[in-house]
Amino acid sequence: MMQQQHFLEIYEPYEYEGQNPLVMDGVAILAGPLRNHYYLLELESPLPNGQNSVQQLLVSPRYNGDKIDRAVSSTCTVNIARVPQGTDLTTASSLGYDEIERWGVGKISLQPAP
């Protein structure tokens, strides 16, 4: 997949006080555990997560009828999941339940080309 940059605006969790929007690199589309798909994103700098940090996030379209392609190539409201510290999904092709930590809701959009 061609690497694209995205803005990810965080709407939930409401108590999130970090950088917003996040600038992220698109990595790959991964098959999820319930026949759905997730878009793997990598942060430019780690996101604090309690005592740990997160380097990768997964997004999936929030609304029925929206396909993963919309999250990849357009603007889309998404569910956001964290990839646990110490897990790198860069070479994965699918996900299991233990690789997804539900985290929040946001909006993804393509970062305009320079």
N, C-alpha and C. Protein backbone atom coordinates (compact mmCIF):
# COMPACT_ATOMS: atom_id res chain seq x y z
N MET A 1 0.84 -1.18 0.00
CA MET A 1 0.00 0.00 0.00
C MET A 1 0.88 1.24 0.00
N MET A 2 0.50 2.23 -0.80
CA MET A 2 1.23 3.49 -0.80
C MET A 2 1.00 4.21 0.52
N GLN A 3 2.06 4.68 1.12
CA GLN A 3 1.92 5.35 2.41
C GLN A 3 1.30 6.72 2.22
N GLN A 4 0.25 6.97 2.99
CA GLN A 4 -0.45 8.24 2.96
C GLN A 4 -0.40 8.84 4.36
N GLN A 5 -0.49 10.15 4.44
CA GLN A 5 -0.59 10.78 5.75
C GLN A 5 -2.02 11.23 5.97
N HIS A 6 -2.43 11.12 7.23
CA HIS A 6 -3.80 11.44 7.62
C HIS A 6 -3.80 12.32 8.86
N PHE A 7 -4.90 13.04 9.03
CA PHE A 7 -5.22 13.70 10.29
C PHE A 7 -6.25 12.82 10.97
N LEU A 8 -6.07 12.58 12.26
CA LEU A 8 -7.05 11.84 13.04
C LEU A 8 -7.48 12.74 14.19
N GLU A 9 -8.71 13.25 14.09
CA GLU A 9 -9.28 14.08 15.16
C GLU A 9 -9.89 13.16 16.21
N ILE A 10 -9.59 13.41 17.47
CA ILE A 10 -10.10 12.60 18.57
C ILE A 10 -11.32 13.29 19.17
N TYR A 11 -12.48 12.63 19.11
CA TYR A 11 -13.71 13.15 19.73
C TYR A 11 -13.94 12.51 21.10
N GLU A 12 -13.68 11.23 21.20
CA GLU A 12 -13.76 10.48 22.44
C GLU A 12 -12.49 9.67 22.56
N PRO A 13 -11.97 9.42 23.70
CA PRO A 13 -12.54 9.68 25.02
C PRO A 13 -12.55 11.18 25.32
N TYR A 14 -13.59 11.59 26.02
CA TYR A 14 -13.78 13.01 26.30
C TYR A 14 -12.64 13.59 27.13
N GLU A 15 -12.02 12.77 27.97
CA GLU A 15 -10.94 13.26 28.83
C GLU A 15 -9.59 13.33 28.13
N TYR A 16 -9.53 12.95 26.84
CA TYR A 16 -8.27 13.00 26.10
C TYR A 16 -7.79 14.45 26.01
N GLU A 17 -6.54 14.69 26.41
CA GLU A 17 -5.98 16.04 26.42
C GLU A 17 -4.70 16.15 25.61
N GLY A 18 -4.37 15.13 24.83
CA GLY A 18 -3.14 15.15 24.04
C GLY A 18 -3.29 15.93 22.76
N GLN A 19 -2.29 15.79 21.90
CA GLN A 19 -2.30 16.46 20.60
C GLN A 19 -3.57 16.09 19.84
N ASN A 20 -4.18 17.08 19.20
CA ASN A 20 -5.41 16.83 18.46
C ASN A 20 -5.54 17.89 17.37
N PRO A 21 -5.53 17.53 16.11
CA PRO A 21 -5.53 16.17 15.57
C PRO A 21 -4.12 15.55 15.59
N LEU A 22 -4.11 14.24 15.47
CA LEU A 22 -2.86 13.50 15.34
C LEU A 22 -2.51 13.40 13.86
N VAL A 23 -1.23 13.49 13.55
CA VAL A 23 -0.76 13.27 12.19
C VAL A 23 -0.24 11.83 12.16
N MET A 24 -0.78 11.04 11.23
CA MET A 24 -0.47 9.61 11.22
C MET A 24 -0.18 9.14 9.81
N ASP A 25 0.63 8.08 9.72
CA ASP A 25 0.92 7.44 8.44
C ASP A 25 0.05 6.20 8.29
N GLY A 26 -0.59 6.06 7.14
CA GLY A 26 -1.34 4.85 6.84
C GLY A 26 -0.37 3.71 6.55
N VAL A 27 -0.64 2.53 7.11
CA VAL A 27 0.27 1.40 6.94
C VAL A 27 -0.37 0.29 6.10
N ALA A 28 -1.55 -0.21 6.52
CA ALA A 28 -2.16 -1.34 5.83
C ALA A 28 -3.62 -1.51 6.25
N ILE A 29 -4.36 -2.23 5.44
CA ILE A 29 -5.72 -2.64 5.80
C ILE A 29 -5.62 -4.08 6.30
N LEU A 30 -6.19 -4.32 7.49
CA LEU A 30 -6.12 -5.64 8.11
C LEU A 30 -7.51 -6.21 8.31
N ALA A 31 -7.66 -7.51 8.10
CA ALA A 31 -8.93 -8.20 8.37
C ALA A 31 -9.11 -8.32 9.87
N GLY A 32 -10.31 -8.00 10.35
CA GLY A 32 -10.61 -8.08 11.77
C GLY A 32 -11.26 -9.38 12.16
N PRO A 33 -11.48 -9.58 13.45
CA PRO A 33 -12.02 -10.86 13.94
C PRO A 33 -13.49 -11.11 13.60
N LEU A 34 -14.24 -10.08 13.22
CA LEU A 34 -15.67 -10.25 12.92
C LEU A 34 -16.00 -9.92 11.47
N ARG A 35 -15.13 -10.32 10.55
CA ARG A 35 -15.33 -10.08 9.12
C ARG A 35 -15.38 -8.60 8.77
N ASN A 36 -14.82 -7.77 9.62
CA ASN A 36 -14.71 -6.36 9.30
C ASN A 36 -13.24 -6.04 9.05
N HIS A 37 -12.97 -4.82 8.62
CA HIS A 37 -11.60 -4.43 8.31
C HIS A 37 -11.19 -3.22 9.13
N TYR A 38 -9.90 -3.15 9.39
CA TYR A 38 -9.31 -2.05 10.14
C TYR A 38 -8.19 -1.44 9.32
N TYR A 39 -8.00 -0.14 9.48
CA TYR A 39 -6.92 0.57 8.84
C TYR A 39 -5.86 0.83 9.92
N LEU A 40 -4.68 0.28 9.71
CA LEU A 40 -3.58 0.43 10.65
C LEU A 40 -2.85 1.74 10.38
N LEU A 41 -2.69 2.53 11.42
CA LEU A 41 -2.03 3.83 11.34
C LEU A 41 -0.86 3.86 12.31
N GLU A 42 0.20 4.56 11.94
CA GLU A 42 1.36 4.69 12.81
C GLU A 42 1.56 6.15 13.17
N LEU A 43 1.76 6.41 14.44
CA LEU A 43 1.97 7.76 14.94
C LEU A 43 3.38 8.24 14.64
N GLU A 44 3.53 9.53 14.41
CA GLU A 44 4.86 10.10 14.22
C GLU A 44 5.65 10.08 15.53
N SER A 45 4.96 10.27 16.65
CA SER A 45 5.59 10.16 17.96
C SER A 45 4.62 9.42 18.88
N PRO A 46 5.12 8.62 19.82
CA PRO A 46 4.26 7.79 20.67
C PRO A 46 3.23 8.61 21.45
N LEU A 47 2.07 8.00 21.63
CA LEU A 47 0.97 8.59 22.38
C LEU A 47 0.98 8.01 23.78
N PRO A 48 1.03 8.85 24.84
CA PRO A 48 1.02 8.32 26.20
C PRO A 48 -0.25 7.50 26.46
N ASN A 49 -0.09 6.39 27.18
CA ASN A 49 -1.21 5.50 27.52
C ASN A 49 -0.97 5.00 28.94
N GLY A 50 -1.32 5.83 29.92
CA GLY A 50 -1.05 5.47 31.30
C GLY A 50 0.45 5.40 31.54
N GLN A 51 0.93 4.27 32.03
CA GLN A 51 2.37 4.07 32.26
C GLN A 51 3.11 3.70 30.98
N ASN A 52 2.39 3.41 29.92
CA ASN A 52 2.97 2.95 28.65
C ASN A 52 2.77 4.00 27.56
N SER A 53 3.06 3.61 26.34
CA SER A 53 2.81 4.48 25.19
C SER A 53 2.32 3.62 24.03
N VAL A 54 1.70 4.26 23.07
CA VAL A 54 1.13 3.59 21.91
C VAL A 54 1.77 4.18 20.66
N GLN A 55 2.21 3.32 19.74
CA GLN A 55 2.82 3.76 18.50
C GLN A 55 1.88 3.56 17.31
N GLN A 56 0.94 2.61 17.43
CA GLN A 56 0.02 2.31 16.33
C GLN A 56 -1.43 2.35 16.82
N LEU A 57 -2.31 2.80 15.93
CA LEU A 57 -3.75 2.81 16.17
C LEU A 57 -4.44 2.11 15.02
N LEU A 58 -5.63 1.60 15.29
CA LEU A 58 -6.47 0.99 14.26
C LEU A 58 -7.76 1.79 14.20
N VAL A 59 -8.25 2.04 12.99
CA VAL A 59 -9.55 2.69 12.84
C VAL A 59 -10.43 1.83 11.94
N SER A 60 -11.73 1.92 12.20
CA SER A 60 -12.72 1.25 11.36
C SER A 60 -13.92 2.18 11.25
N PRO A 61 -14.62 2.18 10.11
CA PRO A 61 -15.77 3.06 9.96
C PRO A 61 -16.80 2.84 11.08
N ARG A 62 -17.30 3.91 11.60
CA ARG A 62 -18.25 3.84 12.73
C ARG A 62 -19.66 3.49 12.28
N TYR A 63 -20.05 3.94 11.11
CA TYR A 63 -21.45 3.79 10.69
C TYR A 63 -21.62 2.67 9.68
N ASN A 64 -22.70 1.91 9.85
CA ASN A 64 -23.03 0.83 8.91
C ASN A 64 -23.13 1.41 7.51
N GLY A 65 -22.63 0.69 6.55
CA GLY A 65 -22.67 1.13 5.17
C GLY A 65 -21.38 1.80 4.72
N ASP A 66 -20.61 2.36 5.67
CA ASP A 66 -19.31 2.94 5.31
C ASP A 66 -18.31 1.81 5.17
N LYS A 67 -17.55 1.82 4.11
CA LYS A 67 -16.53 0.80 3.85
C LYS A 67 -15.17 1.32 4.30
N ILE A 68 -14.23 0.42 4.51
CA ILE A 68 -12.89 0.79 4.95
C ILE A 68 -12.20 1.72 3.95
N ASP A 69 -12.54 1.59 2.67
CA ASP A 69 -11.95 2.46 1.65
C ASP A 69 -12.23 3.94 1.91
N ARG A 70 -13.37 4.22 2.50
CA ARG A 70 -13.70 5.61 2.81
C ARG A 70 -12.75 6.16 3.87
N ALA A 71 -12.41 5.35 4.87
CA ALA A 71 -11.47 5.78 5.90
C ALA A 71 -10.07 5.99 5.32
N VAL A 72 -9.72 5.20 4.32
CA VAL A 72 -8.39 5.26 3.71
C VAL A 72 -8.26 6.45 2.77
N SER A 73 -9.29 6.74 2.00
CA SER A 73 -9.12 7.70 0.90
C SER A 73 -9.98 8.95 0.99
N SER A 74 -10.73 9.13 2.07
CA SER A 74 -11.63 10.27 2.15
C SER A 74 -11.70 10.75 3.60
N THR A 75 -12.86 11.23 4.00
CA THR A 75 -13.11 11.64 5.38
C THR A 75 -14.20 10.74 5.93
N CYS A 76 -13.99 10.26 7.16
CA CYS A 76 -14.89 9.26 7.70
C CYS A 76 -14.88 9.31 9.23
N THR A 77 -16.04 9.18 9.84
CA THR A 77 -16.12 9.02 11.30
C THR A 77 -15.73 7.58 11.60
N VAL A 78 -14.84 7.40 12.58
CA VAL A 78 -14.27 6.08 12.84
C VAL A 78 -14.28 5.72 14.32
N ASN A 79 -14.31 4.41 14.57
CA ASN A 79 -14.00 3.87 15.89
C ASN A 79 -12.48 3.75 15.93
N ILE A 80 -11.90 4.02 17.08
CA ILE A 80 -10.45 3.99 17.23
C ILE A 80 -10.09 2.94 18.27
N ALA A 81 -9.10 2.11 17.91
CA ALA A 81 -8.57 1.11 18.85
C ALA A 81 -7.07 1.31 18.95
N ARG A 82 -6.53 1.03 20.13
CA ARG A 82 -5.08 1.11 20.35
C ARG A 82 -4.48 -0.27 20.13
N VAL A 83 -3.25 -0.27 19.65
CA VAL A 83 -2.46 -1.49 19.55
C VAL A 83 -1.60 -1.53 20.81
N PRO A 84 -1.69 -2.59 21.61
CA PRO A 84 -0.95 -2.64 22.88
C PRO A 84 0.55 -2.44 22.69
N GLN A 85 1.17 -1.80 23.68
CA GLN A 85 2.61 -1.59 23.65
C GLN A 85 3.31 -2.93 23.51
N GLY A 86 4.34 -2.95 22.69
CA GLY A 86 5.09 -4.18 22.46
C GLY A 86 4.55 -5.01 21.31
N THR A 87 3.41 -4.61 20.75
CA THR A 87 2.83 -5.29 19.60
C THR A 87 3.04 -4.42 18.37
N ASP A 88 3.55 -5.01 17.29
CA ASP A 88 3.75 -4.30 16.04
C ASP A 88 2.99 -5.05 14.96
N LEU A 89 1.98 -4.41 14.40
CA LEU A 89 1.13 -5.06 13.39
C LEU A 89 1.54 -4.73 11.96
N THR A 90 2.70 -4.12 11.78
CA THR A 90 3.13 -3.68 10.46
C THR A 90 3.13 -4.80 9.43
N THR A 91 3.50 -6.01 9.80
CA THR A 91 3.56 -7.12 8.85
C THR A 91 2.37 -8.07 8.97
N ALA A 92 1.40 -7.75 9.81
CA ALA A 92 0.22 -8.61 10.00
C ALA A 92 -0.73 -8.50 8.81
N SER A 93 -1.54 -9.54 8.60
CA SER A 93 -2.57 -9.48 7.57
C SER A 93 -3.97 -9.56 8.18
N SER A 94 -4.04 -9.98 9.45
CA SER A 94 -5.33 -10.05 10.14
C SER A 94 -5.11 -9.80 11.63
N LEU A 95 -6.22 -9.61 12.35
CA LEU A 95 -6.18 -9.26 13.76
C LEU A 95 -6.96 -10.27 14.59
N GLY A 96 -6.54 -10.44 15.84
CA GLY A 96 -7.29 -11.21 16.82
C GLY A 96 -7.84 -10.26 17.87
N TYR A 97 -8.73 -10.76 18.72
CA TYR A 97 -9.33 -9.92 19.76
C TYR A 97 -8.29 -9.32 20.71
N ASP A 98 -7.21 -10.05 20.98
CA ASP A 98 -6.21 -9.58 21.94
C ASP A 98 -5.31 -8.50 21.37
N GLU A 99 -5.44 -8.17 20.11
CA GLU A 99 -4.62 -7.13 19.49
C GLU A 99 -5.37 -5.81 19.33
N ILE A 100 -6.57 -5.74 19.91
CA ILE A 100 -7.41 -4.56 19.77
C ILE A 100 -7.85 -4.09 21.16
N GLU A 101 -7.54 -2.84 21.49
CA GLU A 101 -8.01 -2.22 22.72
C GLU A 101 -8.91 -1.05 22.33
N ARG A 102 -10.22 -1.24 22.42
CA ARG A 102 -11.17 -0.18 22.08
C ARG A 102 -10.79 1.07 22.84
N TRP A 103 -10.77 2.22 22.14
CA TRP A 103 -10.32 3.43 22.80
C TRP A 103 -11.26 4.61 22.62
N GLY A 104 -11.73 4.87 21.41
CA GLY A 104 -12.53 6.07 21.24
C GLY A 104 -13.17 6.20 19.89
N VAL A 105 -13.54 7.44 19.58
CA VAL A 105 -14.22 7.79 18.33
C VAL A 105 -13.56 9.05 17.79
N GLY A 106 -13.49 9.14 16.49
CA GLY A 106 -12.90 10.34 15.89
C GLY A 106 -13.27 10.47 14.42
N LYS A 107 -12.50 11.30 13.74
CA LYS A 107 -12.70 11.51 12.30
C LYS A 107 -11.34 11.48 11.63
N ILE A 108 -11.23 10.67 10.58
CA ILE A 108 -9.99 10.59 9.82
C ILE A 108 -10.18 11.32 8.49
N SER A 109 -9.12 11.99 8.07
CA SER A 109 -9.14 12.64 6.75
C SER A 109 -7.72 12.63 6.20
N LEU A 110 -7.64 12.68 4.88
CA LEU A 110 -6.34 12.73 4.23
C LEU A 110 -5.66 14.07 4.51
N GLN A 111 -4.39 14.02 4.74
CA GLN A 111 -3.61 15.25 4.85
C GLN A 111 -3.31 15.72 3.44
N PRO A 112 -3.60 16.96 3.11
CA PRO A 112 -3.34 17.44 1.75
C PRO A 112 -1.87 17.30 1.37
N ALA A 113 -1.63 16.95 0.11
CA ALA A 113 -0.26 16.84 -0.39
C ALA A 113 0.41 18.20 -0.38
N PRO A 114 1.72 18.24 -0.09
CA PRO A 114 2.42 19.55 -0.04
C PRO A 114 2.50 20.21 -1.39
